[in-house]
Amino acid sequence: MERIHIYKQGNPFRPLILLLHGTGGDEKSLLDMAARIDKDAGILSLRGEVNEDGLNRHFKRLSLGVFDEVDLHKRTSDLEQFLDFAANKYGFPRHQIVGLGYSNGANLLASHLFKYPKSVQGAILLHPLSAGTIDKIPDLFGLPIFIGAGEEDPICPQEMTQRLFLQLHKTGANVTLSWHQFGHNLSTEEIQKASTWYQSFFK
């Protein structure tokens, strides 16, 4: 069950932040952002196992914006199994995880929320497109979720972001949707708002 990743032990009374990078990133891409959000948190950062023209991804796609649903389902299951494996290997509480995903990583995290609703205690989805095909609406009552989106994002149209927001809202999750006047790249403003949101739930 081993895969390329970074683990950093943090304060045992703080969450462990799961990091899932975007297309072309790696396990180091979001480390600085995680430190800005919670410098005392533990870190589990995974490298995507799919290679697309030399770029790391967490699951395959058929074309731009079109997911390979079969592969997404498999990678979602693989993620859950790895979290169990890592918790056992490193000894952190399984319920301690807060997920943070960007772009392709946010899509995988969104899929994971719907298929394994008890797996994390919160999630930050930055520029997600979709959770893929949803078989049923799980009970995520009260689960804090932050969605960061760009008003001028050419990869994630506003209507897709709104659709995901509504799907998560139907689960009973406590969803915050934060719009920014930028494209697909992460902005300082967006990171700051995600940090403020995080601190309000995980003091």
N, C-alpha and C. Protein backbone atom coordinates (compact mmCIF):
# COMPACT_ATOMS: atom_id res chain seq x y z
N MET A 1 0.83 -1.21 0.00
CA MET A 1 0.00 0.00 0.00
C MET A 1 0.86 1.26 0.00
N GLU A 2 2.18 1.11 -0.03
CA GLU A 2 3.06 2.27 -0.04
C GLU A 2 2.88 3.08 -1.32
N ARG A 3 3.05 4.40 -1.20
CA ARG A 3 3.05 5.31 -2.34
C ARG A 3 3.89 6.51 -1.95
N ILE A 4 4.27 7.31 -2.93
CA ILE A 4 5.11 8.46 -2.64
C ILE A 4 4.30 9.49 -1.86
N HIS A 5 4.83 9.87 -0.71
CA HIS A 5 4.13 10.83 0.14
C HIS A 5 5.10 11.46 1.13
N ILE A 6 4.63 12.50 1.78
CA ILE A 6 5.36 13.13 2.88
C ILE A 6 4.47 13.06 4.12
N TYR A 7 5.06 12.62 5.21
CA TYR A 7 4.36 12.66 6.49
C TYR A 7 5.16 13.50 7.46
N LYS A 8 4.49 14.41 8.15
CA LYS A 8 5.13 15.22 9.19
C LYS A 8 4.27 15.16 10.43
N GLN A 9 4.83 14.69 11.50
CA GLN A 9 4.08 14.63 12.75
C GLN A 9 3.87 16.04 13.29
N GLY A 10 2.67 16.32 13.75
CA GLY A 10 2.37 17.63 14.31
C GLY A 10 1.95 17.52 15.76
N ASN A 11 1.41 18.59 16.26
CA ASN A 11 0.84 18.60 17.60
C ASN A 11 -0.29 17.58 17.66
N PRO A 12 -0.24 16.62 18.58
CA PRO A 12 -1.27 15.57 18.61
C PRO A 12 -2.68 16.09 18.90
N PHE A 13 -2.77 17.34 19.39
CA PHE A 13 -4.07 17.93 19.68
C PHE A 13 -4.59 18.78 18.51
N ARG A 14 -3.81 18.85 17.42
CA ARG A 14 -4.22 19.58 16.23
C ARG A 14 -4.62 18.57 15.15
N PRO A 15 -5.36 19.01 14.14
CA PRO A 15 -5.71 18.11 13.03
C PRO A 15 -4.47 17.67 12.26
N LEU A 16 -4.65 16.62 11.48
CA LEU A 16 -3.67 16.22 10.48
C LEU A 16 -4.23 16.65 9.13
N ILE A 17 -3.48 17.46 8.38
CA ILE A 17 -3.97 17.97 7.10
C ILE A 17 -3.52 17.06 5.97
N LEU A 18 -4.48 16.52 5.26
CA LEU A 18 -4.23 15.70 4.07
C LEU A 18 -4.14 16.62 2.87
N LEU A 19 -3.02 16.56 2.14
CA LEU A 19 -2.80 17.43 0.99
C LEU A 19 -2.87 16.65 -0.32
N LEU A 20 -3.70 17.15 -1.24
CA LEU A 20 -3.85 16.53 -2.56
C LEU A 20 -3.63 17.63 -3.61
N HIS A 21 -2.49 17.59 -4.28
CA HIS A 21 -2.09 18.63 -5.22
C HIS A 21 -2.94 18.63 -6.50
N GLY A 22 -2.75 19.67 -7.30
CA GLY A 22 -3.41 19.76 -8.59
C GLY A 22 -2.57 19.12 -9.69
N THR A 23 -3.09 19.12 -10.92
CA THR A 23 -2.38 18.55 -12.07
C THR A 23 -1.01 19.20 -12.24
N GLY A 24 0.02 18.35 -12.34
CA GLY A 24 1.38 18.85 -12.52
C GLY A 24 2.11 19.14 -11.23
N GLY A 25 1.42 19.00 -10.09
CA GLY A 25 2.06 19.22 -8.80
C GLY A 25 2.68 17.95 -8.26
N ASP A 26 3.11 18.02 -7.03
CA ASP A 26 3.62 16.83 -6.36
C ASP A 26 3.39 16.98 -4.86
N GLU A 27 3.98 16.08 -4.10
CA GLU A 27 3.72 16.05 -2.66
C GLU A 27 4.27 17.27 -1.93
N LYS A 28 5.09 18.10 -2.59
CA LYS A 28 5.66 19.29 -1.96
C LYS A 28 4.86 20.56 -2.28
N SER A 29 3.95 20.48 -3.24
CA SER A 29 3.33 21.68 -3.80
C SER A 29 2.53 22.50 -2.79
N LEU A 30 1.85 21.86 -1.87
CA LEU A 30 0.94 22.57 -0.96
C LEU A 30 1.47 22.68 0.46
N LEU A 31 2.73 22.32 0.66
CA LEU A 31 3.28 22.34 2.02
C LEU A 31 3.30 23.74 2.62
N ASP A 32 3.71 24.73 1.84
CA ASP A 32 3.75 26.09 2.35
C ASP A 32 2.35 26.59 2.71
N MET A 33 1.38 26.25 1.90
CA MET A 33 0.01 26.67 2.19
C MET A 33 -0.48 26.03 3.48
N ALA A 34 -0.20 24.75 3.66
CA ALA A 34 -0.63 24.07 4.88
C ALA A 34 0.00 24.71 6.11
N ALA A 35 1.26 25.12 6.00
CA ALA A 35 1.95 25.76 7.12
C ALA A 35 1.32 27.11 7.45
N ARG A 36 0.84 27.82 6.43
CA ARG A 36 0.17 29.10 6.66
C ARG A 36 -1.18 28.91 7.33
N ILE A 37 -1.84 27.81 7.03
CA ILE A 37 -3.16 27.55 7.60
C ILE A 37 -3.04 27.06 9.04
N ASP A 38 -2.11 26.16 9.30
CA ASP A 38 -1.93 25.63 10.66
C ASP A 38 -0.51 25.09 10.78
N LYS A 39 0.39 25.91 11.34
CA LYS A 39 1.80 25.52 11.43
C LYS A 39 2.03 24.37 12.41
N ASP A 40 1.04 24.10 13.28
CA ASP A 40 1.20 23.04 14.27
C ASP A 40 0.54 21.73 13.86
N ALA A 41 -0.15 21.74 12.74
CA ALA A 41 -0.85 20.53 12.29
C ALA A 41 0.12 19.50 11.73
N GLY A 42 -0.26 18.24 11.83
CA GLY A 42 0.47 17.20 11.12
C GLY A 42 0.17 17.30 9.63
N ILE A 43 1.01 16.68 8.83
CA ILE A 43 0.86 16.74 7.37
C ILE A 43 0.95 15.33 6.79
N LEU A 44 0.03 15.02 5.88
CA LEU A 44 0.13 13.82 5.05
C LEU A 44 -0.13 14.29 3.62
N SER A 45 0.92 14.35 2.82
CA SER A 45 0.81 14.90 1.46
C SER A 45 1.14 13.81 0.45
N LEU A 46 0.23 13.58 -0.48
CA LEU A 46 0.36 12.46 -1.42
C LEU A 46 0.69 12.95 -2.83
N ARG A 47 1.52 12.19 -3.52
CA ARG A 47 1.76 12.44 -4.93
C ARG A 47 0.76 11.61 -5.74
N GLY A 48 0.12 12.23 -6.73
CA GLY A 48 -0.80 11.50 -7.58
C GLY A 48 -0.07 10.41 -8.35
N GLU A 49 -0.72 9.27 -8.52
CA GLU A 49 -0.09 8.10 -9.13
C GLU A 49 -0.34 7.98 -10.62
N VAL A 50 -1.08 8.93 -11.19
CA VAL A 50 -1.35 8.92 -12.63
C VAL A 50 -0.39 9.90 -13.31
N ASN A 51 0.21 9.46 -14.42
CA ASN A 51 1.10 10.32 -15.19
C ASN A 51 0.43 10.66 -16.52
N GLU A 52 0.18 11.94 -16.72
CA GLU A 52 -0.45 12.40 -17.96
C GLU A 52 0.53 13.33 -18.67
N ASP A 53 1.19 12.81 -19.69
CA ASP A 53 2.17 13.60 -20.46
C ASP A 53 3.22 14.23 -19.54
N GLY A 54 3.68 13.44 -18.57
CA GLY A 54 4.70 13.90 -17.66
C GLY A 54 4.20 14.67 -16.45
N LEU A 55 2.88 14.86 -16.35
CA LEU A 55 2.28 15.60 -15.24
C LEU A 55 1.61 14.64 -14.26
N ASN A 56 1.85 14.87 -12.97
CA ASN A 56 1.20 14.04 -11.95
C ASN A 56 -0.26 14.42 -11.80
N ARG A 57 -1.11 13.39 -11.73
CA ARG A 57 -2.53 13.58 -11.44
C ARG A 57 -2.98 12.50 -10.47
N HIS A 58 -4.13 12.74 -9.84
CA HIS A 58 -4.66 11.76 -8.89
C HIS A 58 -5.59 10.75 -9.54
N PHE A 59 -6.14 11.08 -10.70
CA PHE A 59 -6.96 10.12 -11.45
C PHE A 59 -6.97 10.53 -12.91
N LYS A 60 -7.35 9.60 -13.77
CA LYS A 60 -7.32 9.84 -15.21
C LYS A 60 -8.52 10.67 -15.66
N ARG A 61 -8.36 11.30 -16.81
CA ARG A 61 -9.48 11.98 -17.45
C ARG A 61 -9.51 11.59 -18.92
N LEU A 62 -10.70 11.68 -19.51
CA LEU A 62 -10.87 11.33 -20.91
C LEU A 62 -10.54 12.52 -21.81
N SER A 63 -10.82 13.71 -21.30
CA SER A 63 -10.48 14.97 -21.98
C SER A 63 -10.59 16.07 -20.94
N LEU A 64 -10.32 17.31 -21.33
CA LEU A 64 -10.37 18.42 -20.40
C LEU A 64 -11.77 18.54 -19.79
N GLY A 65 -11.86 18.38 -18.48
CA GLY A 65 -13.14 18.50 -17.79
C GLY A 65 -13.99 17.25 -17.82
N VAL A 66 -13.51 16.17 -18.46
CA VAL A 66 -14.29 14.92 -18.53
C VAL A 66 -13.52 13.83 -17.78
N PHE A 67 -14.06 13.38 -16.66
CA PHE A 67 -13.39 12.41 -15.82
C PHE A 67 -13.50 11.00 -16.38
N ASP A 68 -12.49 10.20 -16.13
CA ASP A 68 -12.59 8.75 -16.30
C ASP A 68 -13.23 8.23 -15.02
N GLU A 69 -14.54 8.01 -15.05
CA GLU A 69 -15.28 7.68 -13.84
C GLU A 69 -14.83 6.36 -13.22
N VAL A 70 -14.46 5.40 -14.05
CA VAL A 70 -14.00 4.11 -13.53
C VAL A 70 -12.71 4.31 -12.73
N ASP A 71 -11.80 5.09 -13.29
CA ASP A 71 -10.54 5.33 -12.60
C ASP A 71 -10.75 6.19 -11.36
N LEU A 72 -11.63 7.18 -11.43
CA LEU A 72 -11.92 8.01 -10.27
C LEU A 72 -12.44 7.16 -9.12
N HIS A 73 -13.34 6.23 -9.42
CA HIS A 73 -13.89 5.35 -8.39
C HIS A 73 -12.77 4.52 -7.75
N LYS A 74 -11.87 4.00 -8.58
CA LYS A 74 -10.77 3.19 -8.06
C LYS A 74 -9.84 4.03 -7.20
N ARG A 75 -9.49 5.22 -7.67
CA ARG A 75 -8.54 6.06 -6.94
C ARG A 75 -9.15 6.57 -5.63
N THR A 76 -10.46 6.77 -5.62
CA THR A 76 -11.15 7.17 -4.39
C THR A 76 -11.06 6.06 -3.35
N SER A 77 -11.29 4.83 -3.79
CA SER A 77 -11.15 3.67 -2.91
C SER A 77 -9.70 3.51 -2.45
N ASP A 78 -8.76 3.71 -3.37
CA ASP A 78 -7.34 3.60 -3.02
C ASP A 78 -6.96 4.63 -1.95
N LEU A 79 -7.50 5.84 -2.07
CA LEU A 79 -7.20 6.89 -1.09
C LEU A 79 -7.67 6.47 0.29
N GLU A 80 -8.88 5.95 0.38
CA GLU A 80 -9.40 5.52 1.67
C GLU A 80 -8.53 4.42 2.28
N GLN A 81 -8.12 3.48 1.46
CA GLN A 81 -7.27 2.40 1.96
C GLN A 81 -5.91 2.95 2.42
N PHE A 82 -5.37 3.92 1.69
CA PHE A 82 -4.08 4.48 2.10
C PHE A 82 -4.19 5.25 3.40
N LEU A 83 -5.29 5.95 3.62
CA LEU A 83 -5.46 6.68 4.87
C LEU A 83 -5.49 5.71 6.05
N ASP A 84 -6.15 4.58 5.88
CA ASP A 84 -6.14 3.55 6.93
C ASP A 84 -4.72 3.03 7.15
N PHE A 85 -4.01 2.77 6.06
CA PHE A 85 -2.64 2.27 6.12
C PHE A 85 -1.73 3.28 6.84
N ALA A 86 -1.84 4.56 6.45
CA ALA A 86 -0.97 5.59 7.03
C ALA A 86 -1.26 5.80 8.51
N ALA A 87 -2.54 5.78 8.88
CA ALA A 87 -2.89 5.94 10.29
C ALA A 87 -2.29 4.83 11.13
N ASN A 88 -2.30 3.62 10.60
CA ASN A 88 -1.72 2.49 11.30
C ASN A 88 -0.19 2.59 11.35
N LYS A 89 0.41 3.02 10.24
CA LYS A 89 1.87 3.10 10.17
C LYS A 89 2.42 4.21 11.07
N TYR A 90 1.78 5.38 11.05
CA TYR A 90 2.32 6.54 11.77
C TYR A 90 1.67 6.77 13.13
N GLY A 91 0.55 6.10 13.37
CA GLY A 91 -0.05 6.17 14.69
C GLY A 91 -0.89 7.41 14.97
N PHE A 92 -1.38 8.08 13.92
CA PHE A 92 -2.26 9.23 14.17
C PHE A 92 -3.72 8.76 14.21
N PRO A 93 -4.57 9.45 14.98
CA PRO A 93 -5.99 9.07 15.05
C PRO A 93 -6.66 9.21 13.68
N ARG A 94 -7.41 8.21 13.30
CA ARG A 94 -8.03 8.19 11.97
C ARG A 94 -9.03 9.32 11.77
N HIS A 95 -9.66 9.76 12.87
CA HIS A 95 -10.68 10.80 12.77
C HIS A 95 -10.08 12.21 12.75
N GLN A 96 -8.77 12.31 12.80
CA GLN A 96 -8.08 13.59 12.97
C GLN A 96 -7.92 14.37 11.66
N ILE A 97 -8.22 13.76 10.53
CA ILE A 97 -7.85 14.32 9.23
C ILE A 97 -8.78 15.44 8.77
N VAL A 98 -8.16 16.51 8.27
CA VAL A 98 -8.85 17.55 7.51
C VAL A 98 -8.24 17.55 6.11
N GLY A 99 -9.08 17.35 5.10
CA GLY A 99 -8.58 17.27 3.74
C GLY A 99 -8.42 18.64 3.11
N LEU A 100 -7.36 18.78 2.30
CA LEU A 100 -7.15 20.01 1.53
C LEU A 100 -6.71 19.61 0.12
N GLY A 101 -7.56 19.90 -0.85
CA GLY A 101 -7.24 19.54 -2.23
C GLY A 101 -7.36 20.73 -3.15
N TYR A 102 -6.49 20.76 -4.15
CA TYR A 102 -6.52 21.83 -5.15
C TYR A 102 -6.75 21.22 -6.53
N SER A 103 -7.73 21.76 -7.26
CA SER A 103 -7.99 21.37 -8.65
C SER A 103 -8.24 19.86 -8.75
N ASN A 104 -7.38 19.12 -9.44
CA ASN A 104 -7.54 17.68 -9.56
C ASN A 104 -7.60 17.01 -8.19
N GLY A 105 -6.79 17.49 -7.26
CA GLY A 105 -6.82 16.95 -5.91
C GLY A 105 -8.12 17.26 -5.18
N ALA A 106 -8.69 18.45 -5.45
CA ALA A 106 -9.98 18.82 -4.85
C ALA A 106 -11.10 17.93 -5.40
N ASN A 107 -11.01 17.58 -6.67
CA ASN A 107 -12.01 16.69 -7.26
C ASN A 107 -11.97 15.31 -6.61
N LEU A 108 -10.77 14.79 -6.39
CA LEU A 108 -10.64 13.49 -5.72
C LEU A 108 -11.17 13.59 -4.30
N LEU A 109 -10.86 14.66 -3.60
CA LEU A 109 -11.34 14.84 -2.23
C LEU A 109 -12.86 14.95 -2.19
N ALA A 110 -13.44 15.64 -3.16
CA ALA A 110 -14.90 15.75 -3.23
C ALA A 110 -15.53 14.38 -3.44
N SER A 111 -14.97 13.59 -4.35
CA SER A 111 -15.45 12.23 -4.57
C SER A 111 -15.37 11.41 -3.29
N HIS A 112 -14.27 11.59 -2.57
CA HIS A 112 -14.06 10.86 -1.32
C HIS A 112 -15.09 11.23 -0.26
N LEU A 113 -15.46 12.51 -0.20
CA LEU A 113 -16.46 12.96 0.76
C LEU A 113 -17.79 12.25 0.56
N PHE A 114 -18.18 12.06 -0.70
CA PHE A 114 -19.46 11.42 -0.98
C PHE A 114 -19.42 9.91 -0.75
N LYS A 115 -18.28 9.30 -0.99
CA LYS A 115 -18.20 7.84 -0.88
C LYS A 115 -17.79 7.36 0.50
N TYR A 116 -17.05 8.21 1.23
CA TYR A 116 -16.59 7.84 2.58
C TYR A 116 -16.87 9.02 3.52
N PRO A 117 -18.13 9.23 3.86
CA PRO A 117 -18.54 10.45 4.57
C PRO A 117 -17.99 10.58 6.00
N LYS A 118 -17.51 9.50 6.59
CA LYS A 118 -17.00 9.58 7.96
C LYS A 118 -15.48 9.62 8.01
N SER A 119 -14.83 9.82 6.89
CA SER A 119 -13.38 9.65 6.81
C SER A 119 -12.59 10.88 7.24
N VAL A 120 -13.16 12.08 7.10
CA VAL A 120 -12.46 13.30 7.49
C VAL A 120 -13.37 14.15 8.37
N GLN A 121 -12.76 15.07 9.11
CA GLN A 121 -13.54 15.95 9.99
C GLN A 121 -13.76 17.32 9.38
N GLY A 122 -13.29 17.52 8.16
CA GLY A 122 -13.48 18.77 7.46
C GLY A 122 -12.73 18.73 6.14
N ALA A 123 -13.02 19.69 5.25
CA ALA A 123 -12.37 19.67 3.94
C ALA A 123 -12.28 21.08 3.36
N ILE A 124 -11.17 21.33 2.70
CA ILE A 124 -10.96 22.56 1.93
C ILE A 124 -10.81 22.17 0.47
N LEU A 125 -11.76 22.59 -0.35
CA LEU A 125 -11.77 22.26 -1.78
C LEU A 125 -11.46 23.55 -2.55
N LEU A 126 -10.29 23.59 -3.18
CA LEU A 126 -9.87 24.78 -3.90
C LEU A 126 -9.98 24.54 -5.40
N HIS A 127 -10.86 25.28 -6.04
CA HIS A 127 -11.12 25.18 -7.47
C HIS A 127 -11.50 23.76 -7.90
N PRO A 128 -12.50 23.17 -7.23
CA PRO A 128 -12.98 21.86 -7.66
C PRO A 128 -13.90 21.99 -8.87
N LEU A 129 -13.96 20.95 -9.65
CA LEU A 129 -14.86 20.92 -10.80
C LEU A 129 -16.11 20.09 -10.50
N SER A 130 -15.87 18.90 -9.92
CA SER A 130 -16.98 17.97 -9.70
C SER A 130 -16.52 16.86 -8.77
N ALA A 131 -17.50 16.16 -8.20
CA ALA A 131 -17.20 14.96 -7.41
C ALA A 131 -17.38 13.70 -8.25
N GLY A 132 -17.62 13.88 -9.54
CA GLY A 132 -17.91 12.73 -10.39
C GLY A 132 -19.35 12.28 -10.21
N THR A 133 -19.67 11.10 -10.70
CA THR A 133 -21.01 10.55 -10.56
C THR A 133 -21.31 10.23 -9.11
N ILE A 134 -22.43 10.72 -8.62
CA ILE A 134 -22.82 10.50 -7.23
C ILE A 134 -23.96 9.49 -7.19
N ASP A 135 -23.70 8.34 -6.58
CA ASP A 135 -24.71 7.28 -6.53
C ASP A 135 -25.81 7.58 -5.52
N LYS A 136 -25.44 8.16 -4.38
CA LYS A 136 -26.44 8.52 -3.37
C LYS A 136 -25.90 9.68 -2.54
N ILE A 137 -26.81 10.41 -1.93
CA ILE A 137 -26.44 11.54 -1.09
C ILE A 137 -26.16 11.03 0.32
N PRO A 138 -24.93 11.15 0.81
CA PRO A 138 -24.61 10.67 2.14
C PRO A 138 -25.02 11.68 3.21
N ASP A 139 -24.90 11.28 4.46
CA ASP A 139 -25.16 12.18 5.58
C ASP A 139 -23.85 12.81 6.02
N LEU A 140 -23.68 14.08 5.69
CA LEU A 140 -22.50 14.84 6.12
C LEU A 140 -22.91 15.95 7.07
N PHE A 141 -23.95 15.71 7.85
CA PHE A 141 -24.54 16.76 8.66
C PHE A 141 -23.50 17.46 9.53
N GLY A 142 -23.40 18.79 9.34
CA GLY A 142 -22.52 19.60 10.15
C GLY A 142 -21.06 19.59 9.75
N LEU A 143 -20.67 18.75 8.78
CA LEU A 143 -19.26 18.68 8.40
C LEU A 143 -18.83 19.99 7.77
N PRO A 144 -17.79 20.66 8.30
CA PRO A 144 -17.35 21.93 7.73
C PRO A 144 -16.58 21.73 6.43
N ILE A 145 -17.03 22.42 5.38
CA ILE A 145 -16.39 22.34 4.07
C ILE A 145 -16.24 23.75 3.51
N PHE A 146 -15.04 24.05 3.03
CA PHE A 146 -14.75 25.33 2.40
C PHE A 146 -14.49 25.10 0.91
N ILE A 147 -15.19 25.85 0.06
CA ILE A 147 -14.95 25.81 -1.38
C ILE A 147 -14.40 27.16 -1.81
N GLY A 148 -13.21 27.16 -2.38
CA GLY A 148 -12.63 28.37 -2.96
C GLY A 148 -12.74 28.31 -4.48
N ALA A 149 -13.24 29.38 -5.09
CA ALA A 149 -13.47 29.36 -6.54
C ALA A 149 -13.10 30.70 -7.16
N GLY A 150 -12.69 30.65 -8.43
CA GLY A 150 -12.34 31.86 -9.17
C GLY A 150 -13.45 32.29 -10.11
N GLU A 151 -13.81 33.55 -10.04
CA GLU A 151 -14.88 34.05 -10.91
C GLU A 151 -14.48 34.01 -12.38
N GLU A 152 -13.18 34.00 -12.66
CA GLU A 152 -12.70 33.98 -14.04
C GLU A 152 -11.93 32.70 -14.33
N ASP A 153 -12.29 31.63 -13.63
CA ASP A 153 -11.60 30.35 -13.79
C ASP A 153 -12.03 29.68 -15.09
N PRO A 154 -11.13 29.50 -16.06
CA PRO A 154 -11.51 28.89 -17.34
C PRO A 154 -11.65 27.38 -17.27
N ILE A 155 -11.14 26.77 -16.21
CA ILE A 155 -11.19 25.32 -16.07
C ILE A 155 -12.41 24.87 -15.28
N CYS A 156 -12.80 25.67 -14.30
CA CYS A 156 -13.95 25.33 -13.45
C CYS A 156 -15.04 26.38 -13.62
N PRO A 157 -15.97 26.18 -14.54
CA PRO A 157 -17.04 27.15 -14.76
C PRO A 157 -17.86 27.38 -13.49
N GLN A 158 -18.39 28.59 -13.34
CA GLN A 158 -19.13 28.92 -12.13
C GLN A 158 -20.32 27.99 -11.91
N GLU A 159 -20.97 27.57 -12.99
CA GLU A 159 -22.14 26.71 -12.83
C GLU A 159 -21.77 25.34 -12.26
N MET A 160 -20.55 24.85 -12.57
CA MET A 160 -20.10 23.59 -12.02
C MET A 160 -19.81 23.72 -10.53
N THR A 161 -19.20 24.84 -10.15
CA THR A 161 -18.93 25.09 -8.74
C THR A 161 -20.23 25.18 -7.96
N GLN A 162 -21.19 25.90 -8.50
CA GLN A 162 -22.50 26.03 -7.85
C GLN A 162 -23.18 24.68 -7.71
N ARG A 163 -23.04 23.85 -8.74
CA ARG A 163 -23.66 22.52 -8.69
C ARG A 163 -23.06 21.69 -7.57
N LEU A 164 -21.73 21.70 -7.44
CA LEU A 164 -21.08 20.95 -6.38
C LEU A 164 -21.48 21.51 -5.02
N PHE A 165 -21.55 22.83 -4.90
CA PHE A 165 -21.98 23.45 -3.66
C PHE A 165 -23.37 22.96 -3.25
N LEU A 166 -24.29 22.92 -4.19
CA LEU A 166 -25.66 22.47 -3.89
C LEU A 166 -25.69 20.99 -3.53
N GLN A 167 -24.89 20.18 -4.22
CA GLN A 167 -24.82 18.75 -3.90
C GLN A 167 -24.33 18.53 -2.48
N LEU A 168 -23.30 19.27 -2.09
CA LEU A 168 -22.78 19.15 -0.73
C LEU A 168 -23.77 19.71 0.28
N HIS A 169 -24.44 20.78 -0.08
CA HIS A 169 -25.44 21.37 0.82
C HIS A 169 -26.55 20.37 1.13
N LYS A 170 -26.93 19.56 0.14
CA LYS A 170 -27.99 18.56 0.33
C LYS A 170 -27.60 17.48 1.33
N THR A 171 -26.31 17.29 1.54
CA THR A 171 -25.85 16.27 2.50
C THR A 171 -26.00 16.74 3.94
N GLY A 172 -26.27 18.03 4.13
CA GLY A 172 -26.34 18.58 5.47
C GLY A 172 -25.03 19.17 5.95
N ALA A 173 -24.02 19.16 5.07
CA ALA A 173 -22.71 19.71 5.43
C ALA A 173 -22.82 21.23 5.62
N ASN A 174 -21.92 21.75 6.42
CA ASN A 174 -21.83 23.19 6.65
C ASN A 174 -20.85 23.75 5.61
N VAL A 175 -21.38 24.17 4.46
CA VAL A 175 -20.54 24.52 3.31
C VAL A 175 -20.41 26.03 3.16
N THR A 176 -19.18 26.48 3.02
CA THR A 176 -18.88 27.89 2.74
C THR A 176 -18.31 27.99 1.34
N LEU A 177 -18.92 28.81 0.50
CA LEU A 177 -18.44 29.04 -0.87
C LEU A 177 -17.86 30.44 -0.95
N SER A 178 -16.58 30.52 -1.28
CA SER A 178 -15.87 31.80 -1.31
C SER A 178 -15.39 32.08 -2.73
N TRP A 179 -15.90 33.16 -3.33
CA TRP A 179 -15.53 33.53 -4.69
C TRP A 179 -14.39 34.56 -4.67
N HIS A 180 -13.54 34.47 -5.70
CA HIS A 180 -12.42 35.39 -5.80
C HIS A 180 -12.32 35.86 -7.25
N GLN A 181 -11.84 37.09 -7.44
CA GLN A 181 -11.77 37.68 -8.78
C GLN A 181 -10.48 37.28 -9.48
N PHE A 182 -10.29 35.99 -9.59
CA PHE A 182 -9.09 35.46 -10.23
C PHE A 182 -9.48 34.28 -11.10
N GLY A 183 -8.46 33.66 -11.72
CA GLY A 183 -8.69 32.49 -12.55
C GLY A 183 -8.50 31.22 -11.76
N HIS A 184 -7.74 30.28 -12.34
CA HIS A 184 -7.58 28.96 -11.71
C HIS A 184 -6.45 28.93 -10.69
N ASN A 185 -5.54 29.87 -10.76
CA ASN A 185 -4.42 29.88 -9.81
C ASN A 185 -4.87 30.28 -8.41
N LEU A 186 -4.15 29.79 -7.42
CA LEU A 186 -4.44 30.15 -6.04
C LEU A 186 -3.93 31.56 -5.76
N SER A 187 -4.73 32.35 -5.09
CA SER A 187 -4.34 33.73 -4.76
C SER A 187 -4.07 33.84 -3.27
N THR A 188 -3.33 34.87 -2.89
CA THR A 188 -3.05 35.14 -1.48
C THR A 188 -4.35 35.37 -0.72
N GLU A 189 -5.29 36.08 -1.35
CA GLU A 189 -6.58 36.36 -0.73
C GLU A 189 -7.33 35.05 -0.44
N GLU A 190 -7.31 34.15 -1.39
CA GLU A 190 -8.03 32.89 -1.23
C GLU A 190 -7.42 32.05 -0.10
N ILE A 191 -6.10 31.99 -0.06
CA ILE A 191 -5.42 31.23 0.99
C ILE A 191 -5.73 31.83 2.35
N GLN A 192 -5.76 33.15 2.44
CA GLN A 192 -6.07 33.81 3.70
C GLN A 192 -7.49 33.50 4.15
N LYS A 193 -8.43 33.51 3.22
CA LYS A 193 -9.82 33.21 3.57
C LYS A 193 -9.98 31.75 4.00
N ALA A 194 -9.26 30.86 3.33
CA ALA A 194 -9.29 29.45 3.74
C ALA A 194 -8.70 29.29 5.14
N SER A 195 -7.65 30.03 5.43
CA SER A 195 -7.02 29.98 6.74
C SER A 195 -7.96 30.51 7.83
N THR A 196 -8.62 31.61 7.55
CA THR A 196 -9.57 32.19 8.52
C THR A 196 -10.72 31.23 8.77
N TRP A 197 -11.23 30.61 7.70
CA TRP A 197 -12.29 29.62 7.84
C TRP A 197 -11.82 28.45 8.70
N TYR A 198 -10.63 27.93 8.40
CA TYR A 198 -10.08 26.79 9.14
C TYR A 198 -9.97 27.11 10.63
N GLN A 199 -9.44 28.28 10.95
CA GLN A 199 -9.24 28.64 12.35
C GLN A 199 -10.57 28.78 13.09
N SER A 200 -11.64 29.10 12.38
CA SER A 200 -12.94 29.24 13.03
C SER A 200 -13.52 27.88 13.43
N PHE A 201 -13.09 26.82 12.78
CA PHE A 201 -13.61 25.49 13.09
C PHE A 201 -12.62 24.62 13.85
N PHE A 202 -11.34 24.88 13.65
CA PHE A 202 -10.31 24.00 14.25
C PHE A 202 -9.33 24.85 15.06
N LYS A 203 -9.83 25.46 16.13
CA LYS A 203 -9.03 26.35 16.97
C LYS A 203 -8.04 25.53 17.80
